[in-house]
Amino acid sequence: AECDLDEHIEFPRCQRRPAVPADAGARQRIGESAQPLLQTGGPPLTPRELDVLVQVALGCTNVEAGQRLSLKPETVKSYLRS
């Protein structure tokens, strides 16, 4: 049986390029669709908080998320705590 190599390639964490839209309108739509899942009685997420959350959800460390978003790792931590 033939083997499909694409099924077995391991990508380094946070190096995958998923279809996550980068434009502001798309981020807003993602945020709006995620809001019902995130409702805990607190205020809604800001666009920047959502940007950080998406990076972490993709598997990025705080350092990697910070590099992608031009933030210090401490700032990423702060966004995740809020």
C-alpha atoms as a PDB file:
ATOM      1  CA  ALA A   1       0.000   0.000   0.000  1.00  0.00           C
ATOM      2  CA  GLU A   2       1.227   3.461  -0.811  1.00  0.00           C
ATOM      3  CA  CYS A   3       1.862   5.875   2.007  1.00  0.00           C
ATOM      4  CA  ASP A   4       0.787   9.501   1.857  1.00  0.00           C
ATOM      5  CA  LEU A   5       3.733  11.400   3.353  1.00  0.00           C
ATOM      6  CA  ASP A   6       1.607  14.467   4.063  1.00  0.00           C
ATOM      7  CA  GLU A   7      -0.280  12.450   6.663  1.00  0.00           C
ATOM      8  CA  HIS A   8       2.926  11.742   8.550  1.00  0.00           C
ATOM      9  CA  ILE A   9       4.785  15.053   8.437  1.00  0.00           C
ATOM     10  CA  GLU A  10       5.131  16.657  11.850  1.00  0.00           C
ATOM     11  CA  PHE A  11       5.031  20.439  11.847  1.00  0.00           C
ATOM     12  CA  PRO A  12       6.823  22.371  14.591  1.00  0.00           C
ATOM     13  CA  ARG A  13       4.434  23.935  17.066  1.00  0.00           C
ATOM     14  CA  CYS A  14       3.090  27.310  15.956  1.00  0.00           C
ATOM     15  CA  GLN A  15       4.538  26.913  12.459  1.00  0.00           C
ATOM     16  CA  ARG A  16       1.382  25.719  10.760  1.00  0.00           C
ATOM     17  CA  ARG A  17      -0.361  28.231   8.582  1.00  0.00           C
ATOM     18  CA  PRO A  18      -4.022  27.566   9.264  1.00  0.00           C
ATOM     19  CA  ALA A  19      -6.719  29.432   7.434  1.00  0.00           C
ATOM     20  CA  VAL A  20      -7.054  32.103  10.101  1.00  0.00           C
ATOM     21  CA  PRO A  21      -7.970  35.359   8.374  1.00  0.00           C
ATOM     22  CA  ALA A  22      -5.771  38.295   9.279  1.00  0.00           C
ATOM     23  CA  ASP A  23      -7.989  41.169   8.167  1.00  0.00           C
ATOM     24  CA  ALA A  24      -9.915  43.140  10.768  1.00  0.00           C
ATOM     25  CA  GLY A  25     -13.338  42.223   9.373  1.00  0.00           C
ATOM     26  CA  ALA A  26     -12.596  38.524   9.550  1.00  0.00           C
ATOM     27  CA  ARG A  27     -11.241  38.822  13.093  1.00  0.00           C
ATOM     28  CA  GLN A  28     -14.425  40.634  14.068  1.00  0.00           C
ATOM     29  CA  ARG A  29     -16.579  37.877  12.560  1.00  0.00           C
ATOM     30  CA  ILE A  30     -14.515  35.230  14.373  1.00  0.00           C
ATOM     31  CA  GLY A  31     -14.871  37.180  17.604  1.00  0.00           C
ATOM     32  CA  GLU A  32     -18.609  37.575  17.175  1.00  0.00           C
ATOM     33  CA  SER A  33     -19.077  33.884  16.468  1.00  0.00           C
ATOM     34  CA  ALA A  34     -16.916  32.942  19.470  1.00  0.00           C
ATOM     35  CA  GLN A  35     -18.652  35.276  21.915  1.00  0.00           C
ATOM     36  CA  PRO A  36     -21.522  32.890  22.800  1.00  0.00           C
ATOM     37  CA  LEU A  37     -18.913  30.268  23.695  1.00  0.00           C
ATOM     38  CA  LEU A  38     -16.960  32.721  25.798  1.00  0.00           C
ATOM     39  CA  GLN A  39     -19.829  34.268  27.749  1.00  0.00           C
ATOM     40  CA  THR A  40     -19.051  34.061  31.435  1.00  0.00           C
ATOM     41  CA  GLY A  41     -20.812  37.191  32.551  1.00  0.00           C
ATOM     42  CA  GLY A  42     -17.722  39.333  31.970  1.00  0.00           C
ATOM     43  CA  PRO A  43     -17.137  41.958  29.303  1.00  0.00           C
ATOM     44  CA  PRO A  44     -16.576  40.776  25.717  1.00  0.00           C
ATOM     45  CA  LEU A  45     -13.032  40.242  24.481  1.00  0.00           C
ATOM     46  CA  THR A  46     -11.254  43.128  22.806  1.00  0.00           C
ATOM     47  CA  PRO A  47      -9.912  42.551  19.287  1.00  0.00           C
ATOM     48  CA  ARG A  48      -6.357  42.375  20.679  1.00  0.00           C
ATOM     49  CA  GLU A  49      -7.352  39.878  23.384  1.00  0.00           C
ATOM     50  CA  LEU A  50      -8.920  37.768  20.655  1.00  0.00           C
ATOM     51  CA  ASP A  51      -5.732  38.016  18.547  1.00  0.00           C
ATOM     52  CA  VAL A  52      -3.687  36.727  21.493  1.00  0.00           C
ATOM     53  CA  LEU A  53      -6.201  33.987  22.256  1.00  0.00           C
ATOM     54  CA  VAL A  54      -6.162  32.769  18.645  1.00  0.00           C
ATOM     55  CA  GLN A  55      -2.357  32.514  18.677  1.00  0.00           C
ATOM     56  CA  VAL A  56      -2.347  30.539  21.914  1.00  0.00           C
ATOM     57  CA  ALA A  57      -5.152  28.308  20.620  1.00  0.00           C
ATOM     58  CA  LEU A  58      -2.975  27.560  17.585  1.00  0.00           C
ATOM     59  CA  GLY A  59      -0.319  26.236  19.945  1.00  0.00           C
ATOM     60  CA  CYS A  60       1.969  29.238  20.221  1.00  0.00           C
ATOM     61  CA  THR A  61       3.852  29.852  23.436  1.00  0.00           C
ATOM     62  CA  ASN A  62       3.623  33.316  24.973  1.00  0.00           C
ATOM     63  CA  VAL A  63       6.974  34.170  23.368  1.00  0.00           C
ATOM     64  CA  GLU A  64       5.860  32.934  19.930  1.00  0.00           C
ATOM     65  CA  ALA A  65       2.509  34.736  20.162  1.00  0.00           C
ATOM     66  CA  GLY A  66       4.332  37.895  21.190  1.00  0.00           C
ATOM     67  CA  GLN A  67       6.677  37.649  18.225  1.00  0.00           C
ATOM     68  CA  ARG A  68       3.792  37.205  15.812  1.00  0.00           C
ATOM     69  CA  LEU A  69       1.847  40.113  17.314  1.00  0.00           C
ATOM     70  CA  SER A  70       4.812  42.405  18.114  1.00  0.00           C
ATOM     71  CA  LEU A  71       4.194  42.105  21.860  1.00  0.00           C
ATOM     72  CA  LYS A  72       6.418  41.284  24.811  1.00  0.00           C
ATOM     73  CA  PRO A  73       5.734  37.865  26.393  1.00  0.00           C
ATOM     74  CA  GLU A  74       4.673  39.657  29.591  1.00  0.00           C
ATOM     75  CA  THR A  75       2.053  41.577  27.608  1.00  0.00           C
ATOM     76  CA  VAL A  76       0.726  38.315  26.160  1.00  0.00           C
ATOM     77  CA  LYS A  77       0.427  36.948  29.709  1.00  0.00           C
ATOM     78  CA  SER A  78      -1.420  40.093  30.743  1.00  0.00           C
ATOM     79  CA  TYR A  79      -3.921  39.707  27.896  1.00  0.00           C
ATOM     80  CA  LEU A  80      -4.489  36.067  28.834  1.00  0.00           C
ATOM     81  CA  ARG A  81      -5.192  37.001  32.455  1.00  0.00           C
ATOM     82  CA  SER A  82      -7.760  39.664  31.549  1.00  0.00           C
END
